[in-house]
PDB file of N, CA and C in Angstrom:
ATOM      1  N   UNK A   1      71.485 -31.863   8.374  1.00  0.00           N
ATOM      2  CA  UNK A   1      71.517 -32.848   7.309  1.00  0.00           C
ATOM      3  C   UNK A   1      71.474 -32.130   5.966  1.00  0.00           C
ATOM      4  N   UNK A   2      72.408 -32.393   5.110  1.00  0.00           N
ATOM      5  CA  UNK A   2      72.492 -31.769   3.797  1.00  0.00           C
ATOM      6  C   UNK A   2      71.582 -32.489   2.817  1.00  0.00           C
ATOM      7  N   UNK A   3      70.984 -31.728   1.923  1.00  0.00           N
ATOM      8  CA  UNK A   3      70.138 -32.287   0.889  1.00  0.00           C
ATOM      9  C   UNK A   3      70.996 -32.520  -0.343  1.00  0.00           C
ATOM     10  N   UNK A   4      70.968 -33.722  -0.851  1.00  0.00           N
ATOM     11  CA  UNK A   4      71.800 -34.076  -1.998  1.00  0.00           C
ATOM     12  C   UNK A   4      71.425 -33.222  -3.208  1.00  0.00           C
ATOM     13  N   UNK A   5      72.431 -32.701  -3.869  1.00  0.00           N
ATOM     14  CA  UNK A   5      72.227 -31.912  -5.078  1.00  0.00           C
ATOM     15  C   UNK A   5      71.988 -30.436  -4.833  1.00  0.00           C
ATOM     16  N   UNK A   6      71.928 -29.994  -3.584  1.00  0.00           N
ATOM     17  CA  UNK A   6      71.693 -28.584  -3.278  1.00  0.00           C
ATOM     18  C   UNK A   6      73.023 -27.836  -3.341  1.00  0.00           C
ATOM     19  N   UNK A   7      73.018 -26.729  -4.036  1.00  0.00           N
ATOM     20  CA  UNK A   7      74.199 -25.885  -4.138  1.00  0.00           C
ATOM     21  C   UNK A   7      73.979 -24.660  -3.257  1.00  0.00           C
ATOM     22  N   UNK A   8      74.958 -24.330  -2.462  1.00  0.00           N
ATOM     23  CA  UNK A   8      74.897 -23.184  -1.570  1.00  0.00           C
ATOM     24  C   UNK A   8      75.699 -22.052  -2.200  1.00  0.00           C
ATOM     25  N   UNK A   9      75.097 -20.859  -2.294  1.00  0.00           N
ATOM     26  CA  UNK A   9      75.817 -19.695  -2.797  1.00  0.00           C
ATOM     27  C   UNK A   9      76.394 -18.927  -1.622  1.00  0.00           C
ATOM     28  N   UNK A  10      77.642 -18.579  -1.735  1.00  0.00           N
ATOM     29  CA  UNK A  10      78.349 -17.860  -0.683  1.00  0.00           C
ATOM     30  C   UNK A  10      78.847 -16.537  -1.245  1.00  0.00           C
ATOM     31  N   UNK A  11      78.626 -15.469  -0.482  1.00  0.00           N
ATOM     32  CA  UNK A  11      79.094 -14.145  -0.879  1.00  0.00           C
ATOM     33  C   UNK A  11      80.570 -14.020  -0.507  1.00  0.00           C
ATOM     34  N   UNK A  12      81.381 -13.652  -1.473  1.00  0.00           N
ATOM     35  CA  UNK A  12      82.816 -13.395  -1.273  1.00  0.00           C
ATOM     36  C   UNK A  12      83.079 -11.935  -1.615  1.00  0.00           C
ATOM     37  N   UNK A  13      84.200 -11.414  -1.149  1.00  0.00           N
ATOM     38  CA  UNK A  13      84.499 -10.000  -1.381  1.00  0.00           C
ATOM     39  C   UNK A  13      85.814  -9.803  -2.120  1.00  0.00           C
ATOM     40  N   UNK A  14      85.867  -8.682  -2.833  1.00  0.00           N
ATOM     41  CA  UNK A  14      87.073  -8.259  -3.540  1.00  0.00           C
ATOM     42  C   UNK A  14      87.705  -7.023  -2.884  1.00  0.00           C
ATOM     43  N   UNK A  15      87.109  -6.529  -1.777  1.00  0.00           N
ATOM     44  CA  UNK A  15      87.569  -5.259  -1.206  1.00  0.00           C
ATOM     45  C   UNK A  15      89.025  -5.299  -0.754  1.00  0.00           C
ATOM     46  N   UNK A  16      89.529  -6.473  -0.409  1.00  0.00           N
ATOM     47  CA  UNK A  16      90.907  -6.550   0.063  1.00  0.00           C
ATOM     48  C   UNK A  16      91.905  -6.427  -1.084  1.00  0.00           C
ATOM     49  N   UNK A  17      91.428  -6.533  -2.308  1.00  0.00           N
ATOM     50  CA  UNK A  17      92.285  -6.381  -3.484  1.00  0.00           C
ATOM     51  C   UNK A  17      92.223  -4.978  -4.073  1.00  0.00           C
ATOM     52  N   UNK A  18      91.295  -4.165  -3.591  1.00  0.00           N
ATOM     53  CA  UNK A  18      91.122  -2.817  -4.125  1.00  0.00           C
ATOM     54  C   UNK A  18      92.072  -1.852  -3.434  1.00  0.00           C
ATOM     55  N   UNK A  19      92.571  -0.927  -4.187  1.00  0.00           N
ATOM     56  CA  UNK A  19      93.451   0.108  -3.643  1.00  0.00           C
ATOM     57  C   UNK A  19      92.644   1.399  -3.513  1.00  0.00           C
ATOM     58  N   UNK A  20      92.775   2.039  -2.392  1.00  0.00           N
ATOM     59  CA  UNK A  20      92.106   3.321  -2.184  1.00  0.00           C
ATOM     60  C   UNK A  20      93.117   4.258  -1.531  1.00  0.00           C
ATOM     61  N   UNK A  21      93.342   5.422  -2.098  1.00  0.00           N
ATOM     62  CA  UNK A  21      94.385   6.314  -1.589  1.00  0.00           C
ATOM     63  C   UNK A  21      94.146   6.819  -0.164  1.00  0.00           C
ATOM     64  N   UNK A  22      92.902   6.791   0.309  1.00  0.00           N
ATOM     65  CA  UNK A  22      92.610   7.304   1.645  1.00  0.00           C
ATOM     66  C   UNK A  22      92.820   6.286   2.761  1.00  0.00           C
ATOM     67  N   UNK A  23      93.009   5.014   2.408  1.00  0.00           N
ATOM     68  CA  UNK A  23      93.158   3.978   3.430  1.00  0.00           C
ATOM     69  C   UNK A  23      94.580   3.439   3.414  1.00  0.00           C
ATOM     70  N   UNK A  24      95.317   3.726   4.473  1.00  0.00           N
ATOM     71  CA  UNK A  24      96.693   3.251   4.569  1.00  0.00           C
ATOM     72  C   UNK A  24      96.755   1.790   5.016  1.00  0.00           C
ATOM     73  N   UNK A  25      95.698   1.355   5.719  1.00  0.00           N
ATOM     74  CA  UNK A  25      95.674  -0.010   6.236  1.00  0.00           C
ATOM     75  C   UNK A  25      94.227  -0.456   6.460  1.00  0.00           C
ATOM     76  N   UNK A  26      94.062  -1.692   6.885  1.00  0.00           N
ATOM     77  CA  UNK A  26      92.716  -2.228   7.097  1.00  0.00           C
ATOM     78  C   UNK A  26      92.012  -1.566   8.272  1.00  0.00           C
ATOM     79  N   UNK A  27      92.745  -1.069   9.224  1.00  0.00           N
ATOM     80  CA  UNK A  27      92.128  -0.372  10.361  1.00  0.00           C
ATOM     81  C   UNK A  27      91.406   0.887   9.902  1.00  0.00           C
ATOM     82  N   UNK A  28      92.029   1.640   9.014  1.00  0.00           N
ATOM     83  CA  UNK A  28      91.401   2.846   8.486  1.00  0.00           C
ATOM     84  C   UNK A  28      90.178   2.490   7.644  1.00  0.00           C
ATOM     85  N   UNK A  29      90.285   1.430   6.867  1.00  0.00           N
ATOM     86  CA  UNK A  29      89.150   1.005   6.050  1.00  0.00           C
ATOM     87  C   UNK A  29      87.994   0.549   6.946  1.00  0.00           C
ATOM     88  N   UNK A  30      88.293  -0.185   8.001  1.00  0.00           N
ATOM     89  CA  UNK A  30      87.258  -0.646   8.931  1.00  0.00           C
ATOM     90  C   UNK A  30      86.542   0.538   9.571  1.00  0.00           C
ATOM     91  N   UNK A  31      87.290   1.568   9.908  1.00  0.00           N
ATOM     92  CA  UNK A  31      86.700   2.750  10.526  1.00  0.00           C
ATOM     93  C   UNK A  31      85.693   3.407   9.569  1.00  0.00           C
ATOM     94  N   UNK A  32      86.064   3.561   8.313  1.00  0.00           N
ATOM     95  CA  UNK A  32      85.164   4.155   7.326  1.00  0.00           C
ATOM     96  C   UNK A  32      83.949   3.244   7.099  1.00  0.00           C
ATOM     97  N   UNK A  33      84.184   1.945   7.130  1.00  0.00           N
ATOM     98  CA  UNK A  33      83.095   0.989   6.925  1.00  0.00           C
ATOM     99  C   UNK A  33      82.147   0.942   8.119  1.00  0.00           C
ATOM    100  N   UNK A  34      82.598   1.417   9.270  1.00  0.00           N
ATOM    101  CA  UNK A  34      81.757   1.391  10.456  1.00  0.00           C
ATOM    102  C   UNK A  34      81.685   0.020  11.113  1.00  0.00           C
ATOM    103  N   UNK A  35      82.736  -0.769  10.929  1.00  0.00           N
ATOM    104  CA  UNK A  35      82.808  -2.090  11.545  1.00  0.00           C
ATOM    105  C   UNK A  35      84.090  -2.185  12.355  1.00  0.00           C
ATOM    106  N   UNK A  36      84.171  -3.200  13.183  1.00  0.00           N
ATOM    107  CA  UNK A  36      85.364  -3.348  14.010  1.00  0.00           C
ATOM    108  C   UNK A  36      86.543  -3.857  13.176  1.00  0.00           C
ATOM    109  N   UNK A  37      87.716  -3.552  13.663  1.00  0.00           N
ATOM    110  CA  UNK A  37      88.932  -4.030  13.008  1.00  0.00           C
ATOM    111  C   UNK A  37      88.970  -5.556  13.053  1.00  0.00           C
ATOM    112  N   UNK A  38      88.545  -6.129  14.169  1.00  0.00           N
ATOM    113  CA  UNK A  38      88.558  -7.590  14.268  1.00  0.00           C
ATOM    114  C   UNK A  38      87.619  -8.227  13.253  1.00  0.00           C
ATOM    115  N   UNK A  39      86.475  -7.586  12.984  1.00  0.00           N
ATOM    116  CA  UNK A  39      85.555  -8.145  11.985  1.00  0.00           C
ATOM    117  C   UNK A  39      86.189  -8.138  10.603  1.00  0.00           C
ATOM    118  N   UNK A  40      86.850  -7.074  10.241  1.00  0.00           N
ATOM    119  CA  UNK A  40      87.442  -7.005   8.902  1.00  0.00           C
ATOM    120  C   UNK A  40      88.553  -8.046   8.748  1.00  0.00           C
ATOM    121  N   UNK A  41      89.332  -8.252   9.805  1.00  0.00           N
ATOM    122  CA  UNK A  41      90.383  -9.271   9.742  1.00  0.00           C
ATOM    123  C   UNK A  41      89.788 -10.680   9.704  1.00  0.00           C
ATOM    124  N   UNK A  42      88.711 -10.913  10.446  1.00  0.00           N
ATOM    125  CA  UNK A  42      88.078 -12.239  10.428  1.00  0.00           C
ATOM    126  C   UNK A  42      87.482 -12.564   9.060  1.00  0.00           C
ATOM    127  N   UNK A  43      86.876 -11.570   8.423  1.00  0.00           N
ATOM    128  CA  UNK A  43      86.339 -11.784   7.073  1.00  0.00           C
ATOM    129  C   UNK A  43      87.481 -12.084   6.115  1.00  0.00           C
ATOM    130  N   UNK A  44      88.552 -11.322   6.201  1.00  0.00           N
ATOM    131  CA  UNK A  44      89.693 -11.533   5.300  1.00  0.00           C
ATOM    132  C   UNK A  44      90.290 -12.926   5.458  1.00  0.00           C
ATOM    133  N   UNK A  45      90.342 -13.412   6.694  1.00  0.00           N
ATOM    134  CA  UNK A  45      90.916 -14.722   6.970  1.00  0.00           C
ATOM    135  C   UNK A  45      89.934 -15.867   6.745  1.00  0.00           C
ATOM    136  N   UNK A  46      88.688 -15.537   6.409  1.00  0.00           N
ATOM    137  CA  UNK A  46      87.685 -16.570   6.180  1.00  0.00           C
ATOM    138  C   UNK A  46      87.104 -17.156   7.453  1.00  0.00           C
ATOM    139  N   UNK A  47      87.335 -16.511   8.580  1.00  0.00           N
ATOM    140  CA  UNK A  47      86.817 -16.989   9.855  1.00  0.00           C
ATOM    141  C   UNK A  47      85.425 -16.455  10.156  1.00  0.00           C
ATOM    142  N   UNK A  48      84.981 -15.504   9.351  1.00  0.00           N
ATOM    143  CA  UNK A  48      83.654 -14.919   9.517  1.00  0.00           C
ATOM    144  C   UNK A  48      83.069 -14.660   8.140  1.00  0.00           C
ATOM    145  N   UNK A  49      81.791 -14.906   8.026  1.00  0.00           N
ATOM    146  CA  UNK A  49      81.104 -14.657   6.764  1.00  0.00           C
ATOM    147  C   UNK A  49      80.812 -13.177   6.571  1.00  0.00           C
ATOM    148  N   UNK A  50      80.437 -12.849   5.378  1.00  0.00           N
ATOM    149  CA  UNK A  50      80.101 -11.470   5.043  1.00  0.00           C
ATOM    150  C   UNK A  50      78.635 -11.250   5.398  1.00  0.00           C
ATOM    151  N   UNK A  51      78.405 -10.240   6.238  1.00  0.00           N
ATOM    152  CA  UNK A  51      77.039  -9.947   6.649  1.00  0.00           C
ATOM    153  C   UNK A  51      76.602  -8.582   6.118  1.00  0.00           C
ATOM    154  N   UNK A  52      75.399  -8.188   6.498  1.00  0.00           N
ATOM    155  CA  UNK A  52      74.833  -6.941   6.000  1.00  0.00           C
ATOM    156  C   UNK A  52      75.690  -5.732   6.371  1.00  0.00           C
ATOM    157  N   UNK A  53      76.194  -5.675   7.586  1.00  0.00           N
ATOM    158  CA  UNK A  53      76.998  -4.518   7.992  1.00  0.00           C
ATOM    159  C   UNK A  53      78.294  -4.424   7.185  1.00  0.00           C
ATOM    160  N   UNK A  54      78.875  -5.566   6.822  1.00  0.00           N
ATOM    161  CA  UNK A  54      80.089  -5.554   6.001  1.00  0.00           C
ATOM    162  C   UNK A  54      79.772  -5.040   4.597  1.00  0.00           C
ATOM    163  N   UNK A  55      78.668  -5.494   4.033  1.00  0.00           N
ATOM    164  CA  UNK A  55      78.279  -5.053   2.681  1.00  0.00           C
ATOM    165  C   UNK A  55      78.004  -3.559   2.663  1.00  0.00           C
ATOM    166  N   UNK A  56      77.233  -3.076   3.622  1.00  0.00           N
ATOM    167  CA  UNK A  56      76.933  -1.638   3.688  1.00  0.00           C
ATOM    168  C   UNK A  56      78.214  -0.837   3.908  1.00  0.00           C
ATOM    169  N   UNK A  57      79.082  -1.333   4.768  1.00  0.00           N
ATOM    170  CA  UNK A  57      80.349  -0.657   5.013  1.00  0.00           C
ATOM    171  C   UNK A  57      81.232  -0.585   3.787  1.00  0.00           C
ATOM    172  N   UNK A  58      81.265  -1.662   3.012  1.00  0.00           N
ATOM    173  CA  UNK A  58      82.073  -1.668   1.780  1.00  0.00           C
ATOM    174  C   UNK A  58      81.545  -0.642   0.784  1.00  0.00           C
ATOM    175  N   UNK A  59      80.231  -0.513   0.718  1.00  0.00           N
ATOM    176  CA  UNK A  59      79.636   0.489  -0.181  1.00  0.00           C
ATOM    177  C   UNK A  59      80.004   1.892   0.281  1.00  0.00           C
ATOM    178  N   UNK A  60      80.038   2.119   1.597  1.00  0.00           N
ATOM    179  CA  UNK A  60      80.462   3.419   2.139  1.00  0.00           C
ATOM    180  C   UNK A  60      81.939   3.681   1.839  1.00  0.00           C
ATOM    181  N   UNK A  61      82.757   2.672   2.009  1.00  0.00           N
ATOM    182  CA  UNK A  61      84.203   2.837   1.842  1.00  0.00           C
ATOM    183  C   UNK A  61      84.613   2.995   0.380  1.00  0.00           C
ATOM    184  N   UNK A  62      83.825   2.416  -0.529  1.00  0.00           N
ATOM    185  CA  UNK A  62      84.126   2.477  -1.960  1.00  0.00           C
ATOM    186  C   UNK A  62      82.895   2.948  -2.725  1.00  0.00           C
ATOM    187  N   UNK A  63      82.463   4.191  -2.511  1.00  0.00           N
ATOM    188  CA  UNK A  63      81.220   4.677  -3.125  1.00  0.00           C
ATOM    189  C   UNK A  63      81.266   4.778  -4.648  1.00  0.00           C
ATOM    190  N   UNK A  64      82.467   4.819  -5.204  1.00  0.00           N
ATOM    191  CA  UNK A  64      82.605   4.929  -6.655  1.00  0.00           C
ATOM    192  C   UNK A  64      82.584   3.567  -7.348  1.00  0.00           C
ATOM    193  N   UNK A  65      82.535   2.488  -6.578  1.00  0.00           N
ATOM    194  CA  UNK A  65      82.552   1.128  -7.142  1.00  0.00           C
ATOM    195  C   UNK A  65      81.148   0.555  -7.210  1.00  0.00           C
ATOM    196  N   UNK A  66      80.940  -0.304  -8.186  1.00  0.00           N
ATOM    197  CA  UNK A  66      79.669  -1.018  -8.304  1.00  0.00           C
ATOM    198  C   UNK A  66      79.684  -2.206  -7.346  1.00  0.00           C
ATOM    199  N   UNK A  67      78.503  -2.704  -7.040  1.00  0.00           N
ATOM    200  CA  UNK A  67      78.377  -3.830  -6.120  1.00  0.00           C
ATOM    201  C   UNK A  67      79.156  -5.047  -6.618  1.00  0.00           C
ATOM    202  N   UNK A  68      79.118  -5.289  -7.930  1.00  0.00           N
ATOM    203  CA  UNK A  68      79.853  -6.450  -8.453  1.00  0.00           C
ATOM    204  C   UNK A  68      81.356  -6.203  -8.538  1.00  0.00           C
ATOM    205  N   UNK A  69      81.809  -4.966  -8.294  1.00  0.00           N
ATOM    206  CA  UNK A  69      83.242  -4.701  -8.132  1.00  0.00           C
ATOM    207  C   UNK A  69      83.701  -5.080  -6.720  1.00  0.00           C
ATOM    208  N   UNK A  70      82.759  -5.096  -5.790  1.00  0.00           N
ATOM    209  CA  UNK A  70      83.066  -5.345  -4.387  1.00  0.00           C
ATOM    210  C   UNK A  70      82.823  -6.785  -3.956  1.00  0.00           C
ATOM    211  N   UNK A  71      81.840  -7.439  -4.585  1.00  0.00           N
ATOM    212  CA  UNK A  71      81.423  -8.771  -4.153  1.00  0.00           C
ATOM    213  C   UNK A  71      81.151  -9.681  -5.335  1.00  0.00           C
ATOM    214  N   UNK A  72      81.208 -10.972  -5.064  1.00  0.00           N
ATOM    215  CA  UNK A  72      80.834 -11.971  -6.060  1.00  0.00           C
ATOM    216  C   UNK A  72      80.289 -13.188  -5.331  1.00  0.00           C
ATOM    217  N   UNK A  73      79.580 -14.027  -6.059  1.00  0.00           N
ATOM    218  CA  UNK A  73      79.019 -15.252  -5.511  1.00  0.00           C
ATOM    219  C   UNK A  73      79.836 -16.440  -5.974  1.00  0.00           C
ATOM    220  N   UNK A  74      79.985 -17.392  -5.097  1.00  0.00           N
ATOM    221  CA  UNK A  74      80.622 -18.646  -5.450  1.00  0.00           C
ATOM    222  C   UNK A  74      79.717 -19.768  -4.959  1.00  0.00           C
ATOM    223  N   UNK A  75      79.728 -20.853  -5.645  1.00  0.00           N
ATOM    224  CA  UNK A  75      78.874 -21.961  -5.235  1.00  0.00           C
ATOM    225  C   UNK A  75      79.720 -23.060  -4.620  1.00  0.00           C
ATOM    226  N   UNK A  76      79.176 -23.634  -3.585  1.00  0.00           N
ATOM    227  CA  UNK A  76      79.833 -24.743  -2.911  1.00  0.00           C
ATOM    228  C   UNK A  76      78.776 -25.747  -2.518  1.00  0.00           C
ATOM    229  N   UNK A  77      79.124 -27.005  -2.592  1.00  0.00           N
ATOM    230  CA  UNK A  77      78.221 -28.009  -2.072  1.00  0.00           C
ATOM    231  C   UNK A  77      78.369 -28.005  -0.568  1.00  0.00           C
ATOM    232  N   UNK A  78      77.273 -28.134   0.158  1.00  0.00           N
ATOM    233  CA  UNK A  78      77.383 -28.115   1.611  1.00  0.00           C
ATOM    234  C   UNK A  78      78.230 -29.272   2.119  1.00  0.00           C
ATOM    235  N   UNK A  79      79.061 -28.983   3.086  1.00  0.00           N
ATOM    236  CA  UNK A  79      79.904 -30.029   3.678  1.00  0.00           C
ATOM    237  C   UNK A  79      79.050 -30.877   4.608  1.00  0.00           C
ATOM    238  N   UNK A  80      79.254 -32.163   4.543  1.00  0.00           N
ATOM    239  CA  UNK A  80      78.541 -33.050   5.448  1.00  0.00           C
ATOM    240  C   UNK A  80      79.333 -33.178   6.732  1.00  0.00           C
ATOM    241  N   UNK A  81      78.644 -33.441   7.799  1.00  0.00           N
ATOM    242  CA  UNK A  81      79.310 -33.621   9.089  1.00  0.00           C
ATOM    243  C   UNK A  81      80.293 -34.779   8.980  1.00  0.00           C
ATOM    244  N   UNK A  82      81.406 -34.669   9.651  1.00  0.00           N
ATOM    245  CA  UNK A  82      82.444 -35.687   9.588  1.00  0.00           C
ATOM    246  C   UNK A  82      81.938 -37.075   9.914  1.00  0.00           C
ATOM    247  N   UNK A  83      81.043 -37.190  10.888  1.00  0.00           N
ATOM    248  CA  UNK A  83      80.544 -38.503  11.272  1.00  0.00           C
ATOM    249  C   UNK A  83      79.687 -39.103  10.175  1.00  0.00           C
ATOM    250  N   UNK A  84      78.925 -38.289   9.452  1.00  0.00           N
ATOM    251  CA  UNK A  84      78.084 -38.790   8.369  1.00  0.00           C
ATOM    252  C   UNK A  84      78.952 -39.217   7.183  1.00  0.00           C
ATOM    253  N   UNK A  85      79.973 -38.429   6.886  1.00  0.00           N
ATOM    254  CA  UNK A  85      80.831 -38.727   5.754  1.00  0.00           C
ATOM    255  C   UNK A  85      81.628 -39.994   5.979  1.00  0.00           C
ATOM    256  N   UNK A  86      82.084 -40.218   7.213  1.00  0.00           N
ATOM    257  CA  UNK A  86      82.925 -41.377   7.487  1.00  0.00           C
ATOM    258  C   UNK A  86      82.145 -42.689   7.421  1.00  0.00           C
ATOM    259  N   UNK A  87      80.812 -42.634   7.507  1.00  0.00           N
ATOM    260  CA  UNK A  87      79.993 -43.838   7.446  1.00  0.00           C
ATOM    261  C   UNK A  87      79.783 -44.328   6.033  1.00  0.00           C
ATOM    262  N   UNK A  88      80.110 -43.535   5.048  1.00  0.00           N
ATOM    263  CA  UNK A  88      79.853 -43.910   3.646  1.00  0.00           C
ATOM    264  C   UNK A  88      80.900 -44.780   3.087  1.00  0.00           C
TER     265      UNK A  88
END
């Protein structure tokens, strides 16, 4: 059940927009980040959220970048369950 007026902050990433001469593709970047290739693709497609291992991996892969160069916060109101929304 969502609480009215609550804003949820979601961590988003900019790493897919960054160019790095050592990474020819996302597979190479995933290897340096220490995460699976499937995880990096799921994050890019929005099918998986950004977790601690992704954040640490991004810092490893882009050590010359600041944290706010790699990530940002966005606010979203929590989605209500379809059955609750349809009753209104």
